[in-house]
Amino acid sequence: MIEVPMSFDLNVKNSESVARIAAAAKNGGVGAALMIPQHKPIFDKLHLTYNLKRANEENFNLLVAIEGIHDGKLSEISILKNKGASAIFINSDEDMNLIKRVFEYAEFLNIPVFVNCNNKSLSYGVMNDSDIAYSLGVSGIPNYAESVEVAKIFELSHHFNAKVIFQSVTTKESIKILKDKKENIFVDVCIDNLYFTDENLKNFNTLYKTFPPLRSEEDKNALLKACEDGTVDFISSNHIAATNKDVSLEEAEFGISKLDIFTQLAYSLPLPHETVTKLISTNPAKLFGIEIKEKIKIEFGDYEVNGDSFSSKAKLTPYKKLKARIV
């Protein structure tokens, strides 16, 4: 048994209510979380205030990222930061001049930028572009849909001192690009990509359909190695409360529910416990200057996952067994 600080999850999508997020986070040993506005827009005072108010009602430390660019226009970043926004979220394939201006704001205001590196025009598939996708007769999302965008943002970030977080990196090519990053550049990996590969979708199992997609075994191993050698700074959940799964692979909703078991999953990884603590607690807290005081105890063994007990609205999850649980 070990005692560790509660987790700080840097990637919880706003795919369900703040009340459900807060309850699921408590189950998963998560003491603080960053809401990423990928399902519902958060680009003005109304949306920001609503989410912060709900988090306060739940007595949950929810940080909110606002869209830096909305409908092809720059958001009121300075005003929103003063109103409580903790981070900026952008997609990498927006207008480059707007992205440059977001970086300028981020540097001036000392607010981190989370970048989803994905080229939408190359990402119309439903899973990783591989022989498995070909055998299933479905369209694939190639590794370079991510890595070309990583290379572009990586180059741009060298011209600014803004804190830039490459969110949910999935490929060995991206890791290679980010290997020699500056101290203002950070790498985040989704925990799903440290557990599963596109092999898990062989039987059209929609539970494994998520975005960014599950990649190859080679990619997974490269990510795990990068967690150990310091290239990766954060492991986050990329929690998406997807419920529409009992349909065809093409029609199924993207996303995997796992906030209720996030800390348990992290300490079940084949990584040293000290490394896990750094990647899910220490480093995220340091990024935002937050001290995580509350501790939890973890014990190790073989435990079953019961999705029906999840507080998230999404009870379906591909995770079946854990090596760690919260006492």
Protein backbone atom coordinates (compact mmCIF):
# COMPACT_ATOMS: atom_id res chain seq x y z
CA MET A 1 0.00 0.00 0.00
CA ILE A 2 1.20 3.50 -0.79
CA GLU A 3 -0.01 7.00 0.11
CA VAL A 4 -0.07 9.49 -2.75
CA PRO A 5 -1.55 12.93 -3.51
CA MET A 6 -4.88 13.03 -5.31
CA SER A 7 -4.67 13.30 -9.09
CA PHE A 8 -5.03 16.42 -11.22
CA ASP A 9 -6.64 15.45 -14.53
CA LEU A 10 -5.73 17.89 -17.29
CA ASN A 11 -8.16 16.62 -19.91
CA VAL A 12 -11.80 16.12 -18.99
CA LYS A 13 -14.09 16.90 -21.91
CA ASN A 14 -17.30 18.83 -21.17
CA SER A 15 -19.44 15.94 -22.39
CA GLU A 16 -21.66 15.77 -19.28
CA SER A 17 -22.77 17.94 -16.36
CA VAL A 18 -20.31 19.44 -13.90
CA ALA A 19 -22.13 17.58 -11.10
CA ARG A 20 -21.45 14.23 -12.78
CA ILE A 21 -17.84 15.20 -13.49
CA ALA A 22 -17.32 16.14 -9.83
CA ALA A 23 -18.84 12.87 -8.57
CA ALA A 24 -16.89 10.74 -11.05
CA ALA A 25 -13.67 12.56 -10.16
CA LYS A 26 -14.20 11.80 -6.48
CA ASN A 27 -14.58 8.09 -7.30
CA GLY A 28 -11.41 8.24 -9.37
CA GLY A 29 -9.23 9.96 -6.77
CA VAL A 30 -9.13 13.17 -8.80
CA GLY A 31 -8.88 16.28 -6.63
CA ALA A 32 -8.78 18.80 -9.48
CA ALA A 33 -9.56 18.72 -13.18
CA LEU A 34 -9.26 20.91 -16.24
CA MET A 35 -12.40 21.07 -18.40
CA ILE A 36 -11.63 21.06 -22.12
CA PRO A 37 -14.36 22.64 -24.31
CA GLN A 38 -14.40 20.14 -27.15
CA HIS A 39 -18.07 19.11 -26.95
CA LYS A 40 -19.73 22.39 -25.98
CA PRO A 41 -18.27 25.85 -26.65
CA ILE A 42 -16.79 27.89 -23.81
CA PHE A 43 -15.75 31.16 -25.40
CA ASP A 44 -17.56 33.91 -23.51
CA LYS A 45 -18.38 35.08 -19.96
CA LEU A 46 -21.75 33.34 -19.89
CA HIS A 47 -20.39 29.86 -20.62
CA LEU A 48 -17.35 30.31 -18.39
CA THR A 49 -19.31 31.65 -15.41
CA TYR A 50 -21.91 28.90 -15.69
CA ASN A 51 -19.32 26.11 -15.40
CA LEU A 52 -17.37 27.79 -12.59
CA LYS A 53 -20.59 28.38 -10.65
CA ARG A 54 -21.64 24.74 -10.98
CA ALA A 55 -18.19 23.58 -9.83
CA ASN A 56 -18.40 25.85 -6.80
CA GLU A 57 -21.81 24.39 -5.94
CA GLU A 58 -20.27 20.91 -6.06
CA ASN A 59 -17.27 22.04 -3.98
CA PHE A 60 -15.00 20.70 -6.70
CA ASN A 61 -11.76 22.28 -7.92
CA LEU A 62 -12.64 22.56 -11.60
CA LEU A 63 -10.40 24.67 -13.80
CA VAL A 64 -11.91 25.75 -17.10
CA ALA A 65 -10.15 26.16 -20.44
CA ILE A 66 -11.74 28.62 -22.85
CA GLU A 67 -11.61 28.42 -26.64
CA GLY A 68 -8.91 30.75 -27.86
CA ILE A 69 -10.46 30.80 -31.33
CA HIS A 70 -14.21 30.51 -31.89
CA ASP A 71 -15.90 30.59 -35.31
CA GLY A 72 -12.73 31.86 -36.93
CA LYS A 73 -12.32 34.77 -34.52
CA LEU A 74 -10.11 35.42 -31.51
CA SER A 75 -11.92 35.12 -28.17
CA GLU A 76 -11.70 37.83 -25.49
CA ILE A 77 -8.85 36.00 -23.80
CA SER A 78 -7.74 38.76 -21.41
CA ILE A 79 -11.29 39.42 -20.15
CA LEU A 80 -12.00 35.70 -19.73
CA LYS A 81 -8.79 35.14 -17.79
CA ASN A 82 -9.83 37.92 -15.41
CA LYS A 83 -13.20 36.19 -15.05
CA GLY A 84 -11.58 32.93 -13.96
CA ALA A 85 -10.39 31.06 -17.05
CA SER A 86 -7.32 28.97 -16.23
CA ALA A 87 -6.18 27.91 -19.70
CA ILE A 88 -6.72 28.33 -23.43
CA PHE A 89 -7.69 25.49 -25.75
CA ILE A 90 -7.14 25.58 -29.52
CA ASN A 91 -7.10 23.20 -32.46
CA SER A 92 -3.89 23.19 -34.45
CA ASP A 93 -5.47 23.55 -37.88
CA GLU A 94 -6.95 27.00 -37.24
CA ASP A 95 -5.68 30.06 -39.10
CA MET A 96 -1.99 30.34 -38.24
CA ASN A 97 -2.12 34.09 -37.70
CA LEU A 98 -4.86 33.58 -35.09
CA ILE A 99 -2.80 30.84 -33.42
CA LYS A 100 0.19 33.22 -33.34
CA ARG A 101 -1.97 35.84 -31.63
CA VAL A 102 -3.20 33.27 -29.09
CA PHE A 103 0.42 32.48 -28.27
CA GLU A 104 1.12 36.19 -27.85
CA TYR A 105 -1.80 36.55 -25.42
CA ALA A 106 -0.75 33.40 -23.56
CA GLU A 107 2.80 34.67 -23.11
CA PHE A 108 1.67 38.14 -21.99
CA LEU A 109 -1.00 36.83 -19.58
CA ASN A 110 1.03 33.80 -18.41
CA ILE A 111 -1.79 31.38 -19.18
CA PRO A 112 -1.09 27.93 -20.66
CA VAL A 113 -2.29 26.91 -24.13
CA PHE A 114 -3.54 23.36 -24.71
CA VAL A 115 -3.28 22.37 -28.36
CA ASN A 116 -5.18 19.53 -29.98
CA CYS A 117 -2.85 18.60 -32.84
CA ASN A 118 -5.00 17.14 -35.57
CA ASN A 119 -5.57 17.98 -39.20
CA LYS A 120 -9.32 17.62 -39.70
CA SER A 121 -9.07 17.22 -43.46
CA LEU A 122 -6.96 14.09 -42.89
CA SER A 123 -9.09 12.70 -40.05
CA TYR A 124 -12.40 11.60 -41.49
CA GLY A 125 -11.82 7.99 -40.42
CA VAL A 126 -13.20 6.08 -37.46
CA MET A 127 -9.98 4.46 -36.18
CA ASN A 128 -6.23 4.25 -36.75
CA ASP A 129 -5.20 3.90 -40.40
CA SER A 130 -3.75 0.39 -40.50
CA ASP A 131 -4.20 -3.11 -41.91
CA ILE A 132 -6.83 -3.64 -39.22
CA ALA A 133 -8.94 -0.75 -40.49
CA TYR A 134 -8.50 -2.12 -44.02
CA SER A 135 -9.61 -5.60 -42.94
CA LEU A 136 -12.70 -4.14 -41.24
CA GLY A 137 -13.54 -2.11 -44.32
CA VAL A 138 -13.54 1.24 -42.48
CA SER A 139 -11.68 4.47 -43.14
CA GLY A 140 -8.58 5.20 -41.08
CA ILE A 141 -6.93 8.20 -39.42
CA PRO A 142 -3.20 8.21 -40.31
CA ASN A 143 -0.40 8.99 -37.88
CA TYR A 144 0.63 11.96 -39.98
CA ALA A 145 -2.74 13.65 -39.40
CA GLU A 146 -1.27 14.32 -35.96
CA SER A 147 2.49 14.50 -36.53
CA VAL A 148 2.40 17.14 -39.29
CA GLU A 149 0.40 19.40 -36.96
CA VAL A 150 2.74 18.66 -34.04
CA ALA A 151 5.71 19.69 -36.19
CA LYS A 152 3.99 22.93 -37.22
CA ILE A 153 2.99 23.97 -33.69
CA PHE A 154 6.35 22.83 -32.30
CA GLU A 155 8.15 25.19 -34.69
CA LEU A 156 5.80 28.08 -33.90
CA SER A 157 6.18 27.56 -30.15
CA HIS A 158 9.93 28.15 -30.40
CA HIS A 159 9.25 31.82 -31.14
CA PHE A 160 7.28 32.42 -27.93
CA ASN A 161 7.69 31.81 -24.22
CA ALA A 162 4.08 30.78 -23.74
CA LYS A 163 3.46 27.47 -21.99
CA VAL A 164 2.30 25.16 -24.77
CA ILE A 165 0.84 21.74 -23.98
CA PHE A 166 0.63 19.21 -26.80
CA GLN A 167 -2.51 17.41 -25.74
CA SER A 168 -3.21 13.68 -26.14
CA VAL A 169 -0.18 12.86 -28.28
CA THR A 170 -0.56 9.33 -29.73
CA THR A 171 2.19 8.56 -32.25
CA LYS A 172 5.84 7.62 -32.21
CA GLU A 173 6.49 10.28 -34.87
CA SER A 174 5.11 13.01 -32.60
CA ILE A 175 7.24 11.81 -29.70
CA LYS A 176 10.33 11.95 -31.91
CA ILE A 177 9.54 15.56 -32.88
CA LEU A 178 8.97 16.60 -29.27
CA LYS A 179 11.99 14.79 -27.84
CA ASP A 180 14.20 17.87 -27.49
CA LYS A 181 11.56 20.33 -26.33
CA LYS A 182 12.21 23.62 -24.57
CA GLU A 183 11.16 24.12 -20.95
CA ASN A 184 8.00 25.99 -21.99
CA ILE A 185 6.75 23.00 -24.02
CA PHE A 186 4.89 20.12 -22.39
CA VAL A 187 3.58 16.78 -23.62
CA ASP A 188 0.35 15.15 -22.52
CA VAL A 189 -0.67 11.54 -23.21
CA CYS A 190 -4.12 10.03 -22.85
CA ILE A 191 -4.17 6.97 -20.59
CA ASP A 192 -6.17 4.97 -23.17
CA ASN A 193 -3.19 5.03 -25.53
CA LEU A 194 -1.00 3.49 -22.81
CA TYR A 195 -3.39 0.54 -22.42
CA PHE A 196 -4.97 -0.27 -25.75
CA THR A 197 -4.09 -0.45 -29.46
CA ASP A 198 -6.09 -0.62 -32.68
CA GLU A 199 -5.97 -4.42 -32.30
CA ASN A 200 -8.76 -4.03 -29.75
CA LEU A 201 -11.14 -2.92 -32.50
CA LYS A 202 -10.67 -6.11 -34.54
CA ASN A 203 -14.15 -7.42 -33.79
CA PHE A 204 -15.86 -4.08 -34.43
CA ASN A 205 -15.84 -3.40 -30.67
CA THR A 206 -17.17 0.14 -30.43
CA LEU A 207 -16.11 0.48 -26.78
CA TYR A 208 -12.60 1.13 -28.07
CA LYS A 209 -13.62 3.81 -30.56
CA THR A 210 -12.20 7.07 -29.28
CA PHE A 211 -10.45 10.21 -30.42
CA PRO A 212 -7.59 10.63 -30.83
CA PRO A 213 -7.66 7.00 -31.96
CA LEU A 214 -5.89 4.02 -30.47
CA ARG A 215 -2.70 3.45 -32.43
CA SER A 216 -0.34 0.53 -33.03
CA GLU A 217 1.57 -1.53 -30.47
CA GLU A 218 4.73 0.26 -31.59
CA ASP A 219 3.14 3.64 -30.89
CA LYS A 220 1.92 2.49 -27.47
CA ASN A 221 5.38 1.27 -26.49
CA ALA A 222 6.93 4.55 -27.66
CA LEU A 223 4.51 6.47 -25.43
CA LEU A 224 5.25 4.29 -22.40
CA LYS A 225 8.98 4.74 -22.93
CA ALA A 226 8.48 8.51 -23.26
CA CYS A 227 6.66 8.51 -19.90
CA GLU A 228 9.74 7.01 -18.28
CA ASP A 229 12.43 9.08 -20.00
CA GLY A 230 10.81 12.44 -19.24
CA THR A 231 9.55 13.36 -22.71
CA VAL A 232 5.96 13.04 -21.48
CA ASP A 233 5.01 15.49 -18.73
CA PHE A 234 1.38 14.52 -18.06
CA ILE A 235 -0.94 11.54 -18.24
CA SER A 236 -4.58 12.60 -18.43
CA SER A 237 -7.88 10.79 -18.85
CA ASN A 238 -9.37 12.36 -21.98
CA HIS A 239 -12.62 11.38 -20.29
CA ILE A 240 -15.53 11.48 -22.74
CA ALA A 241 -18.93 10.37 -21.49
CA ALA A 242 -19.87 8.50 -24.66
CA THR A 243 -23.15 6.59 -24.44
CA ASN A 244 -24.06 5.85 -28.07
CA LYS A 245 -22.01 2.67 -28.47
CA ASP A 246 -24.54 -0.07 -29.29
CA VAL A 247 -24.48 0.75 -33.00
CA SER A 248 -22.15 0.10 -35.95
CA LEU A 249 -18.51 1.15 -35.69
CA GLU A 250 -19.02 3.99 -38.17
CA GLU A 251 -22.01 5.38 -36.26
CA ALA A 252 -20.74 4.84 -32.70
CA GLU A 253 -19.80 7.87 -30.63
CA PHE A 254 -16.13 8.64 -30.09
CA GLY A 255 -14.94 8.44 -26.49
CA ILE A 256 -14.12 6.23 -23.51
CA SER A 257 -15.49 6.75 -20.00
CA LYS A 258 -12.91 6.33 -17.23
CA LEU A 259 -12.85 9.35 -14.91
CA ASP A 260 -14.38 7.16 -12.16
CA ILE A 261 -11.26 4.95 -12.20
CA PHE A 262 -8.57 7.33 -13.46
CA THR A 263 -6.12 7.19 -10.54
CA GLN A 264 -6.63 3.44 -10.20
CA LEU A 265 -5.82 3.00 -13.89
CA ALA A 266 -2.72 5.19 -13.66
CA TYR A 267 -1.21 3.16 -10.82
CA SER A 268 -2.06 -0.05 -12.69
CA LEU A 269 0.24 0.95 -15.55
CA PRO A 270 3.60 -0.81 -16.01
CA LEU A 271 5.41 2.29 -14.76
CA PRO A 272 7.21 3.05 -11.46
CA HIS A 273 4.81 4.49 -8.88
CA GLU A 274 7.01 7.57 -8.48
CA THR A 275 6.74 8.25 -12.20
CA VAL A 276 2.96 7.92 -12.14
CA THR A 277 2.68 10.33 -9.19
CA LYS A 278 4.76 12.87 -11.06
CA LEU A 279 2.74 12.58 -14.28
CA ILE A 280 -0.78 12.67 -12.80
CA SER A 281 -0.26 14.84 -9.72
CA THR A 282 3.02 16.70 -9.24
CA ASN A 283 3.56 18.02 -12.78
CA PRO A 284 -0.05 19.12 -13.45
CA ALA A 285 -0.17 20.92 -10.09
CA LYS A 286 3.14 22.65 -10.82
CA LEU A 287 1.87 23.83 -14.22
CA PHE A 288 -0.97 25.75 -12.55
CA GLY A 289 0.82 26.61 -9.30
CA ILE A 290 -1.60 24.53 -7.26
CA GLU A 291 -0.73 22.54 -4.16
CA ILE A 292 -2.57 19.23 -3.85
CA LYS A 293 -2.73 18.62 -0.11
CA GLU A 294 -5.22 15.79 0.14
CA LYS A 295 -3.73 12.29 0.10
CA ILE A 296 -5.25 8.93 -0.78
CA LYS A 297 -4.10 5.39 -0.12
CA ILE A 298 -3.64 2.89 -2.94
CA GLU A 299 -3.49 -0.86 -2.48
CA PHE A 300 -2.48 -3.37 -5.11
CA GLY A 301 -3.98 -6.66 -6.25
CA ASP A 302 -6.46 -7.84 -8.87
CA TYR A 303 -9.78 -6.01 -8.98
CA GLU A 304 -12.79 -6.01 -11.27
CA VAL A 305 -14.19 -2.84 -12.84
CA ASN A 306 -17.92 -2.31 -12.36
CA GLY A 307 -19.11 0.30 -14.83
CA ASP A 308 -22.60 0.29 -13.33
CA SER A 309 -21.14 1.99 -10.24
CA PHE A 310 -19.78 4.93 -12.27
CA SER A 311 -21.11 8.37 -11.43
CA SER A 312 -20.50 9.38 -15.04
CA LYS A 313 -23.54 9.06 -17.29
CA ALA A 314 -21.44 6.73 -19.46
CA LYS A 315 -21.39 3.34 -17.75
CA LEU A 316 -19.85 1.44 -20.67
CA THR A 317 -16.07 1.11 -20.56
CA PRO A 318 -13.54 -1.29 -22.09
CA TYR A 319 -11.56 -1.39 -18.85
CA LYS A 320 -12.31 -4.67 -17.08
CA LYS A 321 -9.52 -5.20 -14.53
CA LEU A 322 -7.32 -3.05 -12.31
CA LYS A 323 -4.08 -3.67 -10.46
CA ALA A 324 -4.71 -0.83 -8.02
CA ARG A 325 -7.64 0.56 -6.08
CA ILE A 326 -8.28 3.42 -3.67
CA VAL A 327 -8.70 2.35 -0.06
